[in-house]
Amino acid sequence: MKALFSTERLTVRKFRPEDSGDLAEILTDKAVTYFEPYETFTSEACIQEAKNFSESEEFYAVALGEKVIGKIYFSKRAHGSYEIGYTFNAAYQGFGYASESISGMMRYAFERLGARRIIAEVNARNTHSLKLVERLGMRKEAHFREYMPRKEDDGIYDDLCVFAVLKNEI
């Protein structure tokens, strides 16, 4: 399957149904999915999710060799804007793979898709993701107080930060 793009160490491509095992390593991990807007998956549900992702124009596999170590969500919005999101296998965090693949996705979007602006929504308690978007040159544009219910207690609400970068800022 043809890659969307490659970086020094990674390939970003469409998902394939046979990626379900690698996807399960990501989506069944409660620590990895904690800040995601969905619940943690079962291994069985990942079989269908890999199929869904393979048919989607918004989800991309981040592969290290043949191993899928992460997923990128990239969705077109109005007026040349796109939203980006990401989730990575815990065993592959801390090695720069997220930064490398997200930076590559941003370059791809600006150069090949004609993107004008890319945004990322980040839970204010997700310190790793906050550091990542800042490292990528995104600036904080908004901070919504008590925006979304916390997974373990829907009586507590977490803040949401919105970061963005324009094509002419990269």
C-alpha atoms as a PDB file:
ATOM      1  CA  MET A   1       0.000   0.000   0.000  1.00  0.00           C
ATOM      2  CA  LYS A   2       1.315   3.396  -0.981  1.00  0.00           C
ATOM      3  CA  ALA A   3       2.456   5.670   1.832  1.00  0.00           C
ATOM      4  CA  LEU A   4       0.866   9.061   2.310  1.00  0.00           C
ATOM      5  CA  PHE A   5       4.376  10.208   3.204  1.00  0.00           C
ATOM      6  CA  SER A   6       7.496   8.947   4.939  1.00  0.00           C
ATOM      7  CA  THR A   7       9.819  10.552   7.445  1.00  0.00           C
ATOM      8  CA  GLU A   8      13.316   9.491   8.451  1.00  0.00           C
ATOM      9  CA  ARG A   9      12.017   6.572  10.542  1.00  0.00           C
ATOM     10  CA  LEU A  10       8.284   6.318   9.902  1.00  0.00           C
ATOM     11  CA  THR A  11       5.656   5.765   7.254  1.00  0.00           C
ATOM     12  CA  VAL A  12       2.222   7.352   7.444  1.00  0.00           C
ATOM     13  CA  ARG A  13      -0.356   5.469   5.392  1.00  0.00           C
ATOM     14  CA  LYS A  14      -3.973   4.430   5.265  1.00  0.00           C
ATOM     15  CA  PHE A  15      -5.016   1.825   7.787  1.00  0.00           C
ATOM     16  CA  ARG A  16      -5.575  -1.749   6.642  1.00  0.00           C
ATOM     17  CA  PRO A  17      -8.045  -4.179   8.253  1.00  0.00           C
ATOM     18  CA  GLU A  18      -5.086  -6.410   9.171  1.00  0.00           C
ATOM     19  CA  ASP A  19      -3.742  -3.591  11.392  1.00  0.00           C
ATOM     20  CA  SER A  20      -6.321  -4.549  14.047  1.00  0.00           C
ATOM     21  CA  GLY A  21      -3.788  -6.282  16.323  1.00  0.00           C
ATOM     22  CA  ASP A  22      -1.461  -3.299  16.412  1.00  0.00           C
ATOM     23  CA  LEU A  23      -4.429  -0.958  16.773  1.00  0.00           C
ATOM     24  CA  ALA A  24      -5.640  -3.024  19.729  1.00  0.00           C
ATOM     25  CA  GLU A  25      -2.322  -2.427  21.496  1.00  0.00           C
ATOM     26  CA  ILE A  26      -3.155   1.291  21.345  1.00  0.00           C
ATOM     27  CA  LEU A  27      -6.914   1.439  21.839  1.00  0.00           C
ATOM     28  CA  THR A  28      -7.211  -1.176  24.619  1.00  0.00           C
ATOM     29  CA  ASP A  29      -4.735   0.693  26.842  1.00  0.00           C
ATOM     30  CA  LYS A  30      -6.683   2.807  29.362  1.00  0.00           C
ATOM     31  CA  ALA A  31      -3.691   5.067  29.996  1.00  0.00           C
ATOM     32  CA  VAL A  32      -3.295   5.766  26.269  1.00  0.00           C
ATOM     33  CA  THR A  33      -6.997   6.435  25.638  1.00  0.00           C
ATOM     34  CA  TYR A  34      -7.606   8.357  28.868  1.00  0.00           C
ATOM     35  CA  PHE A  35      -7.668  11.805  27.226  1.00  0.00           C
ATOM     36  CA  GLU A  36      -9.416  10.611  24.067  1.00  0.00           C
ATOM     37  CA  PRO A  37     -13.071  11.541  23.443  1.00  0.00           C
ATOM     38  CA  TYR A  38     -14.029   7.848  23.343  1.00  0.00           C
ATOM     39  CA  GLU A  39     -13.906   4.963  25.759  1.00  0.00           C
ATOM     40  CA  THR A  40     -11.184   2.314  25.806  1.00  0.00           C
ATOM     41  CA  PHE A  41     -11.838  -0.408  23.216  1.00  0.00           C
ATOM     42  CA  THR A  42     -11.968  -4.167  23.570  1.00  0.00           C
ATOM     43  CA  SER A  43      -9.663  -6.245  21.367  1.00  0.00           C
ATOM     44  CA  GLU A  44     -12.723  -7.513  19.479  1.00  0.00           C
ATOM     45  CA  ALA A  45     -13.941  -3.967  18.781  1.00  0.00           C
ATOM     46  CA  CYS A  46     -10.535  -3.100  17.309  1.00  0.00           C
ATOM     47  CA  ILE A  47     -11.150  -5.554  14.469  1.00  0.00           C
ATOM     48  CA  GLN A  48     -14.101  -3.458  13.305  1.00  0.00           C
ATOM     49  CA  GLU A  49     -12.330  -0.187  14.094  1.00  0.00           C
ATOM     50  CA  ALA A  50      -9.355  -1.116  11.881  1.00  0.00           C
ATOM     51  CA  LYS A  51     -11.833  -1.835   9.081  1.00  0.00           C
ATOM     52  CA  ASN A  52     -13.584   1.497   9.729  1.00  0.00           C
ATOM     53  CA  PHE A  53     -10.258   3.349   9.714  1.00  0.00           C
ATOM     54  CA  SER A  54      -9.239   1.630   6.458  1.00  0.00           C
ATOM     55  CA  GLU A  55     -12.344   3.096   4.812  1.00  0.00           C
ATOM     56  CA  SER A  56     -11.939   6.554   6.350  1.00  0.00           C
ATOM     57  CA  GLU A  57     -10.301   9.621   4.895  1.00  0.00           C
ATOM     58  CA  GLU A  58      -9.617  10.969   8.410  1.00  0.00           C
ATOM     59  CA  PHE A  59      -7.504   8.274  10.118  1.00  0.00           C
ATOM     60  CA  TYR A  60      -3.942   7.317   9.232  1.00  0.00           C
ATOM     61  CA  ALA A  61      -1.586   4.643  10.554  1.00  0.00           C
ATOM     62  CA  VAL A  62       1.874   5.605  11.771  1.00  0.00           C
ATOM     63  CA  ALA A  63       4.140   2.642  11.017  1.00  0.00           C
ATOM     64  CA  LEU A  64       7.639   1.855  12.196  1.00  0.00           C
ATOM     65  CA  GLY A  65       8.596  -0.732   9.603  1.00  0.00           C
ATOM     66  CA  GLU A  66       5.484  -2.911   9.410  1.00  0.00           C
ATOM     67  CA  LYS A  67       4.438  -2.202  13.024  1.00  0.00           C
ATOM     68  CA  VAL A  68       1.635   0.333  13.499  1.00  0.00           C
ATOM     69  CA  ILE A  69       2.670   2.357  16.533  1.00  0.00           C
ATOM     70  CA  GLY A  70       0.176   5.203  16.320  1.00  0.00           C
ATOM     71  CA  LYS A  71      -2.781   6.771  14.629  1.00  0.00           C
ATOM     72  CA  ILE A  72      -3.312  10.258  13.313  1.00  0.00           C
ATOM     73  CA  TYR A  73      -6.729  11.835  13.026  1.00  0.00           C
ATOM     74  CA  PHE A  74      -6.745  14.531  10.337  1.00  0.00           C
ATOM     75  CA  SER A  75     -10.068  16.110   9.436  1.00  0.00           C
ATOM     76  CA  LYS A  76     -10.916  18.909   7.029  1.00  0.00           C
ATOM     77  CA  ARG A  77     -12.788  21.869   8.465  1.00  0.00           C
ATOM     78  CA  ALA A  78     -14.044  25.056   6.830  1.00  0.00           C
ATOM     79  CA  HIS A  79     -11.933  27.684   5.060  1.00  0.00           C
ATOM     80  CA  GLY A  80      -8.742  25.683   4.539  1.00  0.00           C
ATOM     81  CA  SER A  81      -8.535  24.540   8.150  1.00  0.00           C
ATOM     82  CA  TYR A  82      -7.868  21.012   9.398  1.00  0.00           C
ATOM     83  CA  GLU A  83      -7.987  19.423  12.837  1.00  0.00           C
ATOM     84  CA  ILE A  84      -5.239  17.037  13.914  1.00  0.00           C
ATOM     85  CA  GLY A  85      -5.239  14.467  16.694  1.00  0.00           C
ATOM     86  CA  TYR A  86      -3.008  11.533  17.569  1.00  0.00           C
ATOM     87  CA  THR A  87      -2.694   8.467  19.773  1.00  0.00           C
ATOM     88  CA  PHE A  88       0.429   6.337  20.173  1.00  0.00           C
ATOM     89  CA  ASN A  89       1.237   2.927  21.593  1.00  0.00           C
ATOM     90  CA  ALA A  90       2.643   3.441  25.114  1.00  0.00           C
ATOM     91  CA  ALA A  91       5.681   1.261  24.335  1.00  0.00           C
ATOM     92  CA  TYR A  92       6.718   3.712  21.599  1.00  0.00           C
ATOM     93  CA  GLN A  93       6.160   6.974  23.467  1.00  0.00           C
ATOM     94  CA  GLY A  94       9.123   9.124  24.409  1.00  0.00           C
ATOM     95  CA  PHE A  95      11.180   8.375  21.291  1.00  0.00           C
ATOM     96  CA  GLY A  96      10.071  11.352  19.164  1.00  0.00           C
ATOM     97  CA  TYR A  97       7.772   9.315  16.908  1.00  0.00           C
ATOM     98  CA  ALA A  98       4.715  11.472  17.604  1.00  0.00           C
ATOM     99  CA  SER A  99       6.631  14.671  16.935  1.00  0.00           C
ATOM    100  CA  GLU A 100       8.173  13.245  13.756  1.00  0.00           C
ATOM    101  CA  SER A 101       4.900  11.963  12.297  1.00  0.00           C
ATOM    102  CA  ILE A 102       2.734  14.938  13.300  1.00  0.00           C
ATOM    103  CA  SER A 103       5.311  17.372  11.946  1.00  0.00           C
ATOM    104  CA  GLY A 104       5.350  15.342   8.718  1.00  0.00           C
ATOM    105  CA  MET A 105       1.560  15.397   8.545  1.00  0.00           C
ATOM    106  CA  MET A 106       1.525  19.156   8.976  1.00  0.00           C
ATOM    107  CA  ARG A 107       4.106  19.614   6.202  1.00  0.00           C
ATOM    108  CA  TYR A 108       2.157  17.243   3.959  1.00  0.00           C
ATOM    109  CA  ALA A 109      -1.076  19.164   4.592  1.00  0.00           C
ATOM    110  CA  PHE A 110       0.455  22.577   3.922  1.00  0.00           C
ATOM    111  CA  GLU A 111       2.400  21.483   0.833  1.00  0.00           C
ATOM    112  CA  ARG A 112       0.082  18.912  -0.766  1.00  0.00           C
ATOM    113  CA  LEU A 113      -3.444  19.546   0.520  1.00  0.00           C
ATOM    114  CA  GLY A 114      -3.405  23.339   0.422  1.00  0.00           C
ATOM    115  CA  ALA A 115      -4.103  23.612   4.141  1.00  0.00           C
ATOM    116  CA  ARG A 116      -4.036  27.137   5.486  1.00  0.00           C
ATOM    117  CA  ARG A 117      -4.444  26.368   9.183  1.00  0.00           C
ATOM    118  CA  ILE A 118      -4.173  23.304  11.454  1.00  0.00           C
ATOM    119  CA  ILE A 119      -5.694  23.099  14.925  1.00  0.00           C
ATOM    120  CA  ALA A 120      -5.338  20.650  17.801  1.00  0.00           C
ATOM    121  CA  GLU A 121      -7.688  20.366  20.779  1.00  0.00           C
ATOM    122  CA  VAL A 122      -5.881  19.223  23.926  1.00  0.00           C
ATOM    123  CA  ASN A 123      -7.174  18.428  27.396  1.00  0.00           C
ATOM    124  CA  ALA A 124      -5.443  20.910  29.724  1.00  0.00           C
ATOM    125  CA  ARG A 125      -4.330  18.045  32.003  1.00  0.00           C
ATOM    126  CA  ASN A 126      -2.608  16.192  29.136  1.00  0.00           C
ATOM    127  CA  THR A 127       0.850  17.638  29.771  1.00  0.00           C
ATOM    128  CA  HIS A 128       2.621  15.386  27.239  1.00  0.00           C
ATOM    129  CA  SER A 129       0.344  16.519  24.434  1.00  0.00           C
ATOM    130  CA  LEU A 130       0.578  20.173  25.481  1.00  0.00           C
ATOM    131  CA  LYS A 131       4.376  19.978  25.255  1.00  0.00           C
ATOM    132  CA  LEU A 132       4.160  18.226  21.882  1.00  0.00           C
ATOM    133  CA  VAL A 133       1.978  20.847  20.177  1.00  0.00           C
ATOM    134  CA  GLU A 134       4.162  23.627  21.549  1.00  0.00           C
ATOM    135  CA  ARG A 135       7.291  21.840  20.282  1.00  0.00           C
ATOM    136  CA  LEU A 136       5.628  21.634  16.871  1.00  0.00           C
ATOM    137  CA  GLY A 137       5.264  25.420  16.768  1.00  0.00           C
ATOM    138  CA  MET A 138       1.554  25.570  17.479  1.00  0.00           C
ATOM    139  CA  ARG A 139       0.305  28.479  19.555  1.00  0.00           C
ATOM    140  CA  LYS A 140      -2.415  28.421  22.171  1.00  0.00           C
ATOM    141  CA  GLU A 141      -5.466  30.258  20.867  1.00  0.00           C
ATOM    142  CA  ALA A 142      -8.138  29.343  23.392  1.00  0.00           C
ATOM    143  CA  HIS A 143      -8.595  27.892  26.844  1.00  0.00           C
ATOM    144  CA  PHE A 144     -12.122  26.709  27.591  1.00  0.00           C
ATOM    145  CA  ARG A 145     -12.811  26.299  31.302  1.00  0.00           C
ATOM    146  CA  GLU A 146     -14.657  23.207  32.552  1.00  0.00           C
ATOM    147  CA  TYR A 147     -15.382  22.107  29.005  1.00  0.00           C
ATOM    148  CA  MET A 148     -15.693  18.322  29.133  1.00  0.00           C
ATOM    149  CA  PRO A 149     -16.583  15.811  31.818  1.00  0.00           C
ATOM    150  CA  ARG A 150     -13.732  13.799  33.270  1.00  0.00           C
ATOM    151  CA  LYS A 151     -14.005  10.107  32.409  1.00  0.00           C
ATOM    152  CA  GLU A 152     -13.832   8.791  35.951  1.00  0.00           C
ATOM    153  CA  ASP A 153     -16.191  11.442  37.378  1.00  0.00           C
ATOM    154  CA  ASP A 154     -18.717  13.197  35.160  1.00  0.00           C
ATOM    155  CA  GLY A 155     -19.284  15.707  38.003  1.00  0.00           C
ATOM    156  CA  ILE A 156     -15.791  17.136  37.369  1.00  0.00           C
ATOM    157  CA  TYR A 157     -15.052  19.015  34.171  1.00  0.00           C
ATOM    158  CA  ASP A 158     -11.651  19.413  32.532  1.00  0.00           C
ATOM    159  CA  ASP A 159     -10.447  22.441  30.618  1.00  0.00           C
ATOM    160  CA  LEU A 160      -9.784  22.249  26.872  1.00  0.00           C
ATOM    161  CA  CYS A 161      -7.015  24.140  25.087  1.00  0.00           C
ATOM    162  CA  VAL A 162      -7.039  24.864  21.367  1.00  0.00           C
ATOM    163  CA  PHE A 163      -3.715  25.250  19.583  1.00  0.00           C
ATOM    164  CA  ALA A 164      -3.168  26.267  15.976  1.00  0.00           C
ATOM    165  CA  VAL A 165      -0.530  26.980  13.377  1.00  0.00           C
ATOM    166  CA  LEU A 166      -0.832  28.772  10.051  1.00  0.00           C
ATOM    167  CA  LYS A 167       0.941  27.754   6.874  1.00  0.00           C
ATOM    168  CA  ASN A 168       2.950  30.968   6.857  1.00  0.00           C
ATOM    169  CA  GLU A 169       4.199  30.267  10.401  1.00  0.00           C
ATOM    170  CA  ILE A 170       5.990  27.031   9.526  1.00  0.00           C
END
